């Protein structure tokens, strides 16, 4: 690794660490763990309702998924070097079964900040068990996420629906199909 690559990599990690600390739906030490969980659950419910309103096919997929990770406010920010972070919950049978943090570092032509909802659907028992057995899971390394592709009728393609892990990204402009979550790291969330 040359010096420039090393510096860019280090700056990316620093940006992600800063976002990891600063951009969170939990309130840190000021709220009780119960209050923090409740806040995440409320944001998850709101994000799912918005997703279902945006695309009717999503409701059917979420209902058939073995588990659904929802990150209601995945915030990305930076200027050339940036990162993203957000907290969310694993939903099984309509209830939260665990809480997680997702982080990502990036280098490239970027400037500004945005918040988006990220939904990761585990469609098979094997995919869900692999995720749950890890202490930290990286998209693209520990499992591939097939991103939702919006067709002309705004429905999920048959090919997408048959994948073990499906991802949706919901921005203020609607569903995005071209975004990649590869390299995003998901770890269990600990409450203060």
N, C-alpha and C. Protein backbone atom coordinates (compact mmCIF):
# COMPACT_ATOMS: atom_id res chain seq x y z
N UNK A 1 0.85 -1.17 0.00
CA UNK A 1 0.00 0.00 0.00
C UNK A 1 0.90 1.23 0.00
N UNK A 2 0.69 2.14 -0.97
CA UNK A 2 1.52 3.34 -1.01
C UNK A 2 1.04 4.36 0.02
N UNK A 3 1.83 5.40 0.21
CA UNK A 3 1.55 6.39 1.24
C UNK A 3 0.21 7.09 1.01
N UNK A 4 -0.07 7.45 -0.25
CA UNK A 4 -1.31 8.15 -0.55
C UNK A 4 -2.52 7.26 -0.23
N UNK A 5 -2.47 6.00 -0.65
CA UNK A 5 -3.57 5.07 -0.37
C UNK A 5 -3.75 4.89 1.13
N UNK A 6 -2.65 4.80 1.83
CA UNK A 6 -2.70 4.63 3.28
C UNK A 6 -3.37 5.84 3.93
N UNK A 7 -3.01 7.05 3.49
CA UNK A 7 -3.60 8.26 4.06
C UNK A 7 -5.09 8.36 3.74
N UNK A 8 -5.48 8.04 2.50
CA UNK A 8 -6.90 8.07 2.14
C UNK A 8 -7.69 7.03 2.94
N UNK A 9 -7.11 5.85 3.09
CA UNK A 9 -7.77 4.80 3.87
C UNK A 9 -7.93 5.24 5.32
N UNK A 10 -6.88 5.80 5.89
CA UNK A 10 -6.93 6.28 7.27
C UNK A 10 -7.95 7.39 7.45
N UNK A 11 -8.01 8.31 6.48
CA UNK A 11 -8.98 9.40 6.55
C UNK A 11 -10.41 8.87 6.43
N UNK A 12 -10.60 7.86 5.60
CA UNK A 12 -11.93 7.24 5.47
C UNK A 12 -12.38 6.62 6.77
N UNK A 13 -11.47 5.90 7.39
CA UNK A 13 -11.81 5.28 8.68
C UNK A 13 -12.12 6.33 9.73
N UNK A 14 -11.36 7.42 9.73
CA UNK A 14 -11.60 8.50 10.69
C UNK A 14 -12.97 9.13 10.46
N UNK A 15 -13.33 9.34 9.18
CA UNK A 15 -14.64 9.91 8.87
C UNK A 15 -15.76 8.98 9.32
N UNK A 16 -15.58 7.70 9.06
CA UNK A 16 -16.60 6.72 9.47
C UNK A 16 -16.71 6.66 10.99
N UNK A 17 -15.58 6.73 11.65
CA UNK A 17 -15.62 6.70 13.12
C UNK A 17 -16.33 7.94 13.67
N UNK A 18 -16.09 9.07 13.03
CA UNK A 18 -16.77 10.30 13.45
C UNK A 18 -18.26 10.20 13.25
N UNK A 19 -18.68 9.68 12.12
CA UNK A 19 -20.10 9.48 11.88
C UNK A 19 -20.68 8.44 12.83
N UNK A 20 -19.90 7.43 13.12
CA UNK A 20 -20.34 6.38 14.03
C UNK A 20 -20.71 6.97 15.38
N UNK A 21 -19.96 7.96 15.81
CA UNK A 21 -20.21 8.59 17.10
C UNK A 21 -21.27 9.67 17.01
N UNK A 22 -21.23 10.48 15.94
CA UNK A 22 -22.07 11.66 15.87
C UNK A 22 -23.46 11.41 15.31
N UNK A 23 -23.61 10.51 14.36
CA UNK A 23 -24.89 10.31 13.68
C UNK A 23 -25.53 9.03 14.13
N UNK A 24 -26.43 9.14 15.06
CA UNK A 24 -27.05 7.95 15.60
C UNK A 24 -28.48 8.25 15.99
N UNK A 25 -29.32 7.25 15.93
CA UNK A 25 -30.69 7.45 16.39
C UNK A 25 -30.80 7.22 17.89
N UNK A 26 -29.76 6.70 18.50
CA UNK A 26 -29.79 6.54 19.95
C UNK A 26 -29.21 7.79 20.58
N UNK A 27 -29.51 8.04 21.82
CA UNK A 27 -29.09 9.25 22.50
C UNK A 27 -27.89 9.05 23.42
N UNK A 28 -27.23 7.90 23.30
CA UNK A 28 -26.04 7.69 24.13
C UNK A 28 -26.40 7.53 25.58
N UNK A 29 -25.57 8.06 26.46
CA UNK A 29 -25.71 7.87 27.89
C UNK A 29 -26.92 8.60 28.46
N UNK A 30 -27.49 9.59 27.72
CA UNK A 30 -28.57 10.38 28.29
C UNK A 30 -29.90 9.64 28.34
N UNK A 31 -30.08 8.59 27.54
CA UNK A 31 -31.33 7.85 27.55
C UNK A 31 -31.12 6.45 28.07
N UNK A 32 -32.14 5.90 28.69
CA UNK A 32 -32.04 4.54 29.18
C UNK A 32 -32.03 3.58 27.99
N UNK A 33 -31.46 2.39 28.16
CA UNK A 33 -31.48 1.41 27.07
C UNK A 33 -32.90 1.14 26.57
N UNK A 34 -33.86 1.09 27.47
CA UNK A 34 -35.25 0.86 27.08
C UNK A 34 -35.76 2.00 26.19
N UNK A 35 -35.45 3.23 26.55
CA UNK A 35 -35.86 4.39 25.76
C UNK A 35 -35.18 4.38 24.39
N UNK A 36 -33.91 4.00 24.35
CA UNK A 36 -33.18 3.94 23.08
C UNK A 36 -33.79 2.88 22.17
N UNK A 37 -34.11 1.72 22.71
CA UNK A 37 -34.74 0.66 21.92
C UNK A 37 -36.10 1.13 21.38
N UNK A 38 -36.86 1.79 22.25
CA UNK A 38 -38.18 2.29 21.85
C UNK A 38 -38.05 3.30 20.71
N UNK A 39 -37.06 4.17 20.79
CA UNK A 39 -36.83 5.18 19.75
C UNK A 39 -36.49 4.52 18.40
N UNK A 40 -35.62 3.52 18.45
CA UNK A 40 -35.26 2.80 17.22
C UNK A 40 -36.49 2.09 16.67
N UNK A 41 -37.25 1.40 17.53
CA UNK A 41 -38.44 0.67 17.07
C UNK A 41 -39.45 1.61 16.41
N UNK A 42 -39.66 2.79 16.97
CA UNK A 42 -40.60 3.76 16.39
C UNK A 42 -40.12 4.21 15.00
N UNK A 43 -38.82 4.45 14.87
CA UNK A 43 -38.26 4.86 13.57
C UNK A 43 -38.36 3.72 12.56
N UNK A 44 -38.16 2.48 13.01
CA UNK A 44 -38.27 1.31 12.13
C UNK A 44 -39.71 1.18 11.61
N UNK A 45 -40.68 1.30 12.50
CA UNK A 45 -42.09 1.21 12.10
C UNK A 45 -42.44 2.28 11.07
N UNK A 46 -41.99 3.50 11.31
CA UNK A 46 -42.24 4.60 10.39
C UNK A 46 -41.61 4.35 9.02
N UNK A 47 -40.37 3.84 9.02
CA UNK A 47 -39.67 3.55 7.76
C UNK A 47 -40.35 2.44 6.98
N UNK A 48 -40.78 1.40 7.67
CA UNK A 48 -41.49 0.30 6.99
C UNK A 48 -42.80 0.81 6.38
N UNK A 49 -43.53 1.64 7.10
CA UNK A 49 -44.79 2.19 6.57
C UNK A 49 -44.51 3.00 5.31
N UNK A 50 -43.45 3.78 5.31
CA UNK A 50 -43.10 4.58 4.12
C UNK A 50 -42.70 3.67 2.96
N UNK A 51 -41.93 2.61 3.24
CA UNK A 51 -41.53 1.66 2.20
C UNK A 51 -42.76 1.01 1.57
N UNK A 52 -43.71 0.57 2.39
CA UNK A 52 -44.91 -0.10 1.88
C UNK A 52 -45.76 0.87 1.04
N UNK A 53 -45.78 2.13 1.44
CA UNK A 53 -46.52 3.14 0.68
C UNK A 53 -45.84 3.38 -0.67
N UNK A 54 -44.51 3.35 -0.67
CA UNK A 54 -43.73 3.59 -1.89
C UNK A 54 -43.87 2.44 -2.89
N UNK A 55 -43.93 1.20 -2.38
CA UNK A 55 -43.98 0.06 -3.28
C UNK A 55 -44.74 -1.10 -2.64
N UNK A 56 -45.85 -1.47 -3.25
CA UNK A 56 -46.70 -2.54 -2.70
C UNK A 56 -45.99 -3.89 -2.70
N UNK A 57 -45.08 -4.14 -3.64
CA UNK A 57 -44.35 -5.41 -3.69
C UNK A 57 -43.48 -5.61 -2.45
N UNK A 58 -43.02 -4.52 -1.87
CA UNK A 58 -42.16 -4.60 -0.70
C UNK A 58 -42.87 -5.25 0.49
N UNK A 59 -44.15 -4.96 0.67
CA UNK A 59 -44.91 -5.54 1.79
C UNK A 59 -44.91 -7.07 1.70
N UNK A 60 -45.14 -7.59 0.50
CA UNK A 60 -45.16 -9.04 0.29
C UNK A 60 -43.79 -9.66 0.57
N UNK A 61 -42.74 -9.01 0.09
CA UNK A 61 -41.39 -9.53 0.33
C UNK A 61 -41.03 -9.50 1.81
N UNK A 62 -41.34 -8.41 2.49
CA UNK A 62 -41.04 -8.31 3.93
C UNK A 62 -41.80 -9.39 4.69
N UNK A 63 -43.05 -9.63 4.32
CA UNK A 63 -43.86 -10.66 4.99
C UNK A 63 -43.28 -12.05 4.79
N UNK A 64 -42.65 -12.31 3.64
CA UNK A 64 -42.11 -13.65 3.39
C UNK A 64 -40.65 -13.80 3.83
N UNK A 65 -40.01 -12.73 4.23
CA UNK A 65 -38.61 -12.79 4.68
C UNK A 65 -38.51 -13.48 6.03
N UNK A 66 -37.40 -14.18 6.25
CA UNK A 66 -37.13 -14.85 7.53
C UNK A 66 -36.73 -13.83 8.60
N UNK A 67 -36.12 -12.73 8.15
CA UNK A 67 -35.72 -11.64 9.03
C UNK A 67 -35.45 -10.40 8.19
N UNK A 68 -35.72 -9.23 8.76
CA UNK A 68 -35.54 -7.98 8.04
C UNK A 68 -34.76 -7.00 8.92
N UNK A 69 -33.61 -6.56 8.43
CA UNK A 69 -32.85 -5.51 9.11
C UNK A 69 -33.32 -4.17 8.56
N UNK A 70 -33.69 -3.26 9.44
CA UNK A 70 -34.13 -1.93 9.02
C UNK A 70 -33.25 -0.89 9.70
N UNK A 71 -32.62 -0.06 8.87
CA UNK A 71 -31.84 1.08 9.35
C UNK A 71 -32.57 2.33 8.87
N UNK A 72 -33.41 2.93 9.73
CA UNK A 72 -34.27 4.03 9.30
C UNK A 72 -33.51 5.29 8.88
N UNK A 73 -32.39 5.57 9.52
CA UNK A 73 -31.64 6.79 9.26
C UNK A 73 -30.17 6.47 9.05
N UNK A 74 -29.85 5.95 7.88
CA UNK A 74 -28.46 5.66 7.54
C UNK A 74 -27.90 6.94 6.93
N UNK A 75 -27.09 7.66 7.70
CA UNK A 75 -26.61 8.98 7.31
C UNK A 75 -25.22 8.88 6.72
N UNK A 76 -25.07 9.43 5.51
CA UNK A 76 -23.76 9.49 4.87
C UNK A 76 -23.36 10.95 4.72
N UNK A 77 -22.07 11.21 4.94
CA UNK A 77 -21.56 12.57 4.83
C UNK A 77 -20.09 12.54 4.48
N UNK A 78 -19.63 13.62 3.88
CA UNK A 78 -18.21 13.71 3.59
C UNK A 78 -17.91 14.69 2.49
N UNK A 79 -16.65 14.91 2.30
CA UNK A 79 -16.15 15.71 1.20
C UNK A 79 -14.95 14.97 0.66
N UNK A 80 -15.08 14.30 -0.44
CA UNK A 80 -14.12 13.40 -1.08
C UNK A 80 -13.94 12.14 -0.25
N UNK A 81 -13.59 12.27 1.02
CA UNK A 81 -13.50 11.13 1.92
C UNK A 81 -14.70 11.22 2.85
N UNK A 82 -15.43 10.13 2.98
CA UNK A 82 -16.62 10.20 3.82
C UNK A 82 -16.94 8.87 4.46
N UNK A 83 -18.07 8.85 5.07
CA UNK A 83 -18.52 7.64 5.73
C UNK A 83 -20.01 7.71 5.97
N UNK A 84 -20.55 6.63 6.47
CA UNK A 84 -21.97 6.56 6.76
C UNK A 84 -22.18 5.69 7.99
N UNK A 85 -23.24 5.98 8.71
CA UNK A 85 -23.54 5.22 9.92
C UNK A 85 -25.02 5.32 10.24
N UNK A 86 -25.53 4.29 10.86
CA UNK A 86 -26.92 4.30 11.30
C UNK A 86 -27.20 3.12 12.22
N UNK A 87 -28.25 3.25 13.01
CA UNK A 87 -28.66 2.17 13.89
C UNK A 87 -30.01 1.65 13.43
N UNK A 88 -30.27 0.40 13.74
CA UNK A 88 -31.53 -0.19 13.33
C UNK A 88 -31.83 -1.46 14.10
N UNK A 89 -32.83 -2.17 13.63
CA UNK A 89 -33.30 -3.36 14.33
C UNK A 89 -33.54 -4.50 13.35
N UNK A 90 -33.34 -5.72 13.85
CA UNK A 90 -33.71 -6.93 13.12
C UNK A 90 -35.15 -7.23 13.50
N UNK A 91 -36.00 -7.39 12.48
CA UNK A 91 -37.40 -7.70 12.71
C UNK A 91 -37.69 -9.14 12.28
N UNK A 92 -38.34 -9.87 13.16
CA UNK A 92 -38.81 -11.22 12.86
C UNK A 92 -40.24 -11.31 13.34
N UNK A 93 -41.12 -11.72 12.46
CA UNK A 93 -42.53 -11.83 12.85
C UNK A 93 -43.12 -10.51 13.30
N UNK A 94 -42.64 -9.40 12.76
CA UNK A 94 -43.18 -8.08 13.10
C UNK A 94 -42.66 -7.49 14.39
N UNK A 95 -41.69 -8.15 15.04
CA UNK A 95 -41.13 -7.64 16.30
C UNK A 95 -39.62 -7.57 16.22
N UNK A 96 -39.04 -6.64 16.96
CA UNK A 96 -37.58 -6.50 16.99
C UNK A 96 -36.97 -7.63 17.81
N UNK A 97 -35.93 -8.26 17.24
CA UNK A 97 -35.25 -9.35 17.94
C UNK A 97 -33.80 -8.99 18.26
N UNK A 98 -33.33 -7.85 17.78
CA UNK A 98 -31.97 -7.41 18.04
C UNK A 98 -31.73 -6.04 17.44
N UNK A 99 -30.69 -5.36 17.92
CA UNK A 99 -30.39 -4.00 17.48
C UNK A 99 -28.96 -3.96 16.95
N UNK A 100 -28.76 -3.19 15.86
CA UNK A 100 -27.49 -3.21 15.16
C UNK A 100 -27.07 -1.82 14.71
N UNK A 101 -25.78 -1.69 14.41
CA UNK A 101 -25.20 -0.49 13.82
C UNK A 101 -24.58 -0.88 12.49
N UNK A 102 -24.79 -0.05 11.47
CA UNK A 102 -24.17 -0.27 10.16
C UNK A 102 -23.28 0.94 9.87
N UNK A 103 -22.04 0.66 9.46
CA UNK A 103 -21.09 1.72 9.11
C UNK A 103 -20.48 1.42 7.75
N UNK A 104 -20.00 2.48 7.11
CA UNK A 104 -19.39 2.35 5.80
C UNK A 104 -18.44 3.53 5.59
N UNK A 105 -17.29 3.26 4.99
CA UNK A 105 -16.35 4.32 4.64
C UNK A 105 -16.25 4.38 3.13
N UNK A 106 -16.00 5.59 2.59
CA UNK A 106 -15.91 5.72 1.13
C UNK A 106 -14.94 6.82 0.74
N UNK A 107 -14.38 6.66 -0.45
CA UNK A 107 -13.49 7.66 -1.04
C UNK A 107 -13.98 7.85 -2.47
N UNK A 108 -14.10 9.08 -2.90
CA UNK A 108 -14.54 9.34 -4.26
C UNK A 108 -15.09 10.73 -4.39
N UNK A 109 -15.81 10.96 -5.46
CA UNK A 109 -16.38 12.27 -5.70
C UNK A 109 -17.69 12.39 -4.93
N UNK A 110 -17.60 12.89 -3.71
CA UNK A 110 -18.79 13.09 -2.91
C UNK A 110 -18.65 14.36 -2.11
N UNK A 111 -19.76 14.99 -1.88
CA UNK A 111 -19.80 16.19 -1.05
C UNK A 111 -21.20 16.33 -0.49
N UNK A 112 -21.30 16.66 0.76
CA UNK A 112 -22.59 16.86 1.39
C UNK A 112 -22.98 15.72 2.29
N UNK A 113 -24.27 15.68 2.61
CA UNK A 113 -24.79 14.65 3.51
C UNK A 113 -26.19 14.27 3.08
N UNK A 114 -26.56 13.04 3.37
CA UNK A 114 -27.93 12.60 3.11
C UNK A 114 -28.30 11.48 4.07
N UNK A 115 -29.58 11.36 4.31
CA UNK A 115 -30.10 10.29 5.16
C UNK A 115 -31.00 9.42 4.31
N UNK A 116 -30.88 8.13 4.51
CA UNK A 116 -31.70 7.20 3.74
C UNK A 116 -32.11 6.04 4.63
N UNK A 117 -33.20 5.40 4.26
CA UNK A 117 -33.63 4.20 4.94
C UNK A 117 -33.06 3.00 4.21
N UNK A 118 -32.48 2.06 4.95
CA UNK A 118 -31.90 0.86 4.35
C UNK A 118 -32.63 -0.35 4.92
N UNK A 119 -33.05 -1.25 4.02
CA UNK A 119 -33.78 -2.45 4.39
C UNK A 119 -33.05 -3.65 3.82
N UNK A 120 -32.69 -4.60 4.66
CA UNK A 120 -31.99 -5.81 4.22
C UNK A 120 -32.86 -7.00 4.60
N UNK A 121 -33.34 -7.72 3.59
CA UNK A 121 -34.26 -8.84 3.80
C UNK A 121 -33.52 -10.15 3.64
N UNK A 122 -33.55 -10.98 4.67
CA UNK A 122 -32.96 -12.31 4.63
C UNK A 122 -34.09 -13.27 4.24
N UNK A 123 -34.03 -13.76 3.02
CA UNK A 123 -35.12 -14.53 2.45
C UNK A 123 -35.03 -16.03 2.76
N UNK A 124 -33.85 -16.50 3.17
CA UNK A 124 -33.68 -17.93 3.48
C UNK A 124 -33.21 -18.10 4.91
N UNK A 125 -33.52 -19.27 5.47
CA UNK A 125 -33.04 -19.57 6.83
C UNK A 125 -31.52 -19.58 6.88
N UNK A 126 -30.87 -20.12 5.84
CA UNK A 126 -29.40 -20.21 5.82
C UNK A 126 -28.77 -18.83 5.84
N UNK A 127 -29.30 -17.89 5.07
CA UNK A 127 -28.75 -16.53 5.04
C UNK A 127 -28.91 -15.85 6.39
N UNK A 128 -30.08 -16.02 7.02
CA UNK A 128 -30.33 -15.42 8.32
C UNK A 128 -29.43 -16.04 9.39
N UNK A 129 -29.30 -17.37 9.39
CA UNK A 129 -28.45 -18.03 10.38
C UNK A 129 -27.00 -17.61 10.25
N UNK A 130 -26.52 -17.44 9.03
CA UNK A 130 -25.15 -16.98 8.81
C UNK A 130 -24.95 -15.59 9.40
N UNK A 131 -25.92 -14.70 9.19
CA UNK A 131 -25.84 -13.35 9.76
C UNK A 131 -25.85 -13.42 11.29
N UNK A 132 -26.78 -14.17 11.85
CA UNK A 132 -26.94 -14.23 13.30
C UNK A 132 -25.75 -14.90 13.99
N UNK A 133 -25.04 -15.78 13.30
CA UNK A 133 -23.89 -16.47 13.89
C UNK A 133 -22.64 -15.59 13.93
N UNK A 134 -22.67 -14.45 13.22
CA UNK A 134 -21.48 -13.59 13.17
C UNK A 134 -21.54 -12.54 14.27
N UNK A 135 -20.36 -12.10 14.69
CA UNK A 135 -20.29 -11.00 15.66
C UNK A 135 -20.16 -9.68 14.92
N UNK A 136 -19.95 -9.75 13.64
CA UNK A 136 -19.87 -8.60 12.75
C UNK A 136 -19.98 -9.11 11.33
N UNK A 137 -20.83 -8.53 10.53
CA UNK A 137 -21.16 -9.04 9.20
C UNK A 137 -20.88 -7.94 8.19
N UNK A 138 -20.16 -8.26 7.11
CA UNK A 138 -19.82 -7.28 6.09
C UNK A 138 -20.51 -7.65 4.78
N UNK A 139 -21.30 -6.71 4.26
CA UNK A 139 -21.99 -6.93 2.99
C UNK A 139 -20.98 -7.10 1.87
N UNK A 140 -21.18 -8.11 1.05
CA UNK A 140 -20.27 -8.39 -0.05
C UNK A 140 -19.16 -9.35 0.31
N UNK A 141 -18.92 -9.53 1.61
CA UNK A 141 -17.89 -10.46 2.09
C UNK A 141 -18.57 -11.66 2.73
N UNK A 142 -19.41 -11.40 3.74
CA UNK A 142 -20.10 -12.47 4.45
C UNK A 142 -21.40 -12.88 3.77
N UNK A 143 -21.89 -12.05 2.88
CA UNK A 143 -23.10 -12.34 2.13
C UNK A 143 -23.33 -11.26 1.10
N UNK A 144 -23.84 -11.64 -0.06
CA UNK A 144 -24.13 -10.66 -1.12
C UNK A 144 -25.56 -10.19 -1.01
N UNK A 145 -25.74 -8.89 -1.14
CA UNK A 145 -27.07 -8.30 -1.11
C UNK A 145 -27.46 -7.94 -2.54
N UNK A 146 -28.56 -8.52 -3.02
CA UNK A 146 -29.09 -8.16 -4.33
C UNK A 146 -29.98 -6.95 -4.14
N UNK A 147 -29.58 -5.84 -4.72
CA UNK A 147 -30.35 -4.61 -4.55
C UNK A 147 -31.63 -4.66 -5.36
N UNK A 148 -32.68 -4.17 -4.78
CA UNK A 148 -34.00 -4.09 -5.40
C UNK A 148 -33.90 -3.32 -6.70
N UNK A 149 -34.45 -3.88 -7.76
CA UNK A 149 -34.49 -3.22 -9.07
C UNK A 149 -35.94 -2.86 -9.37
N UNK A 150 -36.17 -1.60 -9.62
CA UNK A 150 -37.53 -1.15 -9.92
C UNK A 150 -37.78 -1.34 -11.40
N UNK A 151 -38.81 -2.12 -11.73
CA UNK A 151 -39.19 -2.34 -13.11
C UNK A 151 -40.14 -1.25 -13.60
N UNK A 152 -40.57 -1.36 -14.82
CA UNK A 152 -41.48 -0.37 -15.40
C UNK A 152 -42.77 -0.29 -14.60
N UNK A 153 -43.20 -1.40 -14.04
CA UNK A 153 -44.44 -1.40 -13.25
C UNK A 153 -44.17 -1.19 -11.76
N UNK A 154 -42.93 -0.84 -11.42
CA UNK A 154 -42.51 -0.62 -10.03
C UNK A 154 -42.70 -1.87 -9.18
N UNK A 155 -42.51 -3.03 -9.79
CA UNK A 155 -42.61 -4.28 -9.05
C UNK A 155 -41.25 -4.96 -8.98
N UNK A 156 -41.10 -5.87 -8.04
CA UNK A 156 -39.85 -6.57 -7.87
C UNK A 156 -39.73 -7.65 -8.94
N UNK A 157 -38.56 -7.74 -9.57
CA UNK A 157 -38.38 -8.75 -10.60
C UNK A 157 -38.35 -10.14 -9.97
N UNK A 158 -38.73 -11.15 -10.74
CA UNK A 158 -38.72 -12.54 -10.26
C UNK A 158 -37.32 -12.96 -9.86
N UNK A 159 -36.33 -12.53 -10.63
CA UNK A 159 -34.93 -12.87 -10.34
C UNK A 159 -34.50 -12.30 -8.99
N UNK A 160 -34.87 -11.05 -8.72
CA UNK A 160 -34.52 -10.41 -7.45
C UNK A 160 -35.19 -11.15 -6.29
N UNK A 161 -36.45 -11.48 -6.44
CA UNK A 161 -37.21 -12.11 -5.35
C UNK A 161 -36.68 -13.48 -4.96
N UNK A 162 -35.90 -14.13 -5.83
CA UNK A 162 -35.38 -15.47 -5.53
C UNK A 162 -34.00 -15.44 -4.86
N UNK A 163 -33.44 -14.28 -4.61
CA UNK A 163 -32.11 -14.17 -4.02
C UNK A 163 -32.19 -14.38 -2.49
N UNK A 164 -31.09 -14.89 -1.87
CA UNK A 164 -31.11 -15.13 -0.43
C UNK A 164 -31.17 -13.85 0.41
N UNK A 165 -30.58 -12.76 -0.09
CA UNK A 165 -30.60 -11.48 0.63
C UNK A 165 -30.94 -10.38 -0.36
N UNK A 166 -31.96 -9.60 -0.03
CA UNK A 166 -32.42 -8.50 -0.89
C UNK A 166 -32.28 -7.19 -0.13
N UNK A 167 -31.87 -6.14 -0.82
CA UNK A 167 -31.74 -4.82 -0.20
C UNK A 167 -32.59 -3.77 -0.88
N UNK A 168 -33.15 -2.87 -0.07
CA UNK A 168 -33.88 -1.70 -0.54
C UNK A 168 -33.20 -0.48 0.06
N UNK A 169 -33.12 0.60 -0.69
CA UNK A 169 -32.67 1.88 -0.15
C UNK A 169 -33.73 2.90 -0.50
N UNK A 170 -34.23 3.60 0.51
CA UNK A 170 -35.30 4.57 0.34
C UNK A 170 -34.77 5.95 0.72
N UNK A 171 -34.73 6.85 -0.26
CA UNK A 171 -34.30 8.23 -0.02
C UNK A 171 -35.53 9.13 -0.07
N UNK A 172 -35.33 10.42 0.12
CA UNK A 172 -36.44 11.36 -0.01
C UNK A 172 -37.03 11.35 -1.41
N UNK A 173 -36.21 10.93 -2.40
CA UNK A 173 -36.68 10.87 -3.78
C UNK A 173 -37.35 9.55 -4.12
N UNK A 174 -37.40 8.60 -3.21
CA UNK A 174 -38.02 7.31 -3.47
C UNK A 174 -37.01 6.18 -3.41
N UNK A 175 -37.39 5.03 -3.95
CA UNK A 175 -36.52 3.85 -3.93
C UNK A 175 -35.37 4.02 -4.90
N UNK A 176 -34.19 3.59 -4.48
CA UNK A 176 -33.01 3.62 -5.34
C UNK A 176 -32.60 2.19 -5.63
N UNK A 177 -32.33 1.86 -6.88
CA UNK A 177 -31.93 0.51 -7.24
C UNK A 177 -30.47 0.38 -7.61
N UNK A 178 -29.76 1.49 -7.75
CA UNK A 178 -28.39 1.43 -8.25
C UNK A 178 -27.34 1.52 -7.14
N UNK A 179 -27.75 1.73 -5.92
CA UNK A 179 -26.81 1.88 -4.83
C UNK A 179 -26.27 0.52 -4.40
N UNK A 180 -25.01 0.48 -3.97
CA UNK A 180 -24.41 -0.76 -3.48
C UNK A 180 -24.14 -0.63 -1.99
N UNK A 181 -24.38 -1.69 -1.26
CA UNK A 181 -24.07 -1.71 0.17
C UNK A 181 -22.81 -2.52 0.45
N UNK A 182 -22.11 -2.96 -0.61
CA UNK A 182 -20.89 -3.76 -0.42
C UNK A 182 -19.89 -2.99 0.42
N UNK A 183 -19.34 -3.68 1.41
CA UNK A 183 -18.38 -3.07 2.31
C UNK A 183 -19.01 -2.51 3.57
N UNK A 184 -20.33 -2.42 3.60
CA UNK A 184 -21.01 -1.95 4.81
C UNK A 184 -20.85 -2.99 5.91
N UNK A 185 -20.48 -2.54 7.10
CA UNK A 185 -20.23 -3.43 8.24
C UNK A 185 -21.38 -3.32 9.22
N UNK A 186 -21.95 -4.45 9.61
CA UNK A 186 -23.07 -4.48 10.54
C UNK A 186 -22.63 -5.22 11.80
N UNK A 187 -22.77 -4.55 12.95
CA UNK A 187 -22.37 -5.12 14.23
C UNK A 187 -23.50 -4.95 15.25
N UNK A 188 -23.56 -5.84 16.25
CA UNK A 188 -24.58 -5.69 17.29
C UNK A 188 -24.41 -4.36 18.01
N UNK A 189 -25.51 -3.74 18.35
CA UNK A 189 -25.53 -2.45 19.02
C UNK A 189 -25.55 -2.67 20.53
N UNK A 190 -24.66 -1.99 21.23
CA UNK A 190 -24.67 -2.05 22.69
C UNK A 190 -25.22 -0.73 23.21
N UNK A 191 -26.01 -0.80 24.22
CA UNK A 191 -26.63 0.39 24.80
C UNK A 191 -25.90 0.76 26.09
N UNK A 192 -25.81 2.06 26.33
CA UNK A 192 -25.13 2.56 27.55
C UNK A 192 -26.02 2.46 28.75
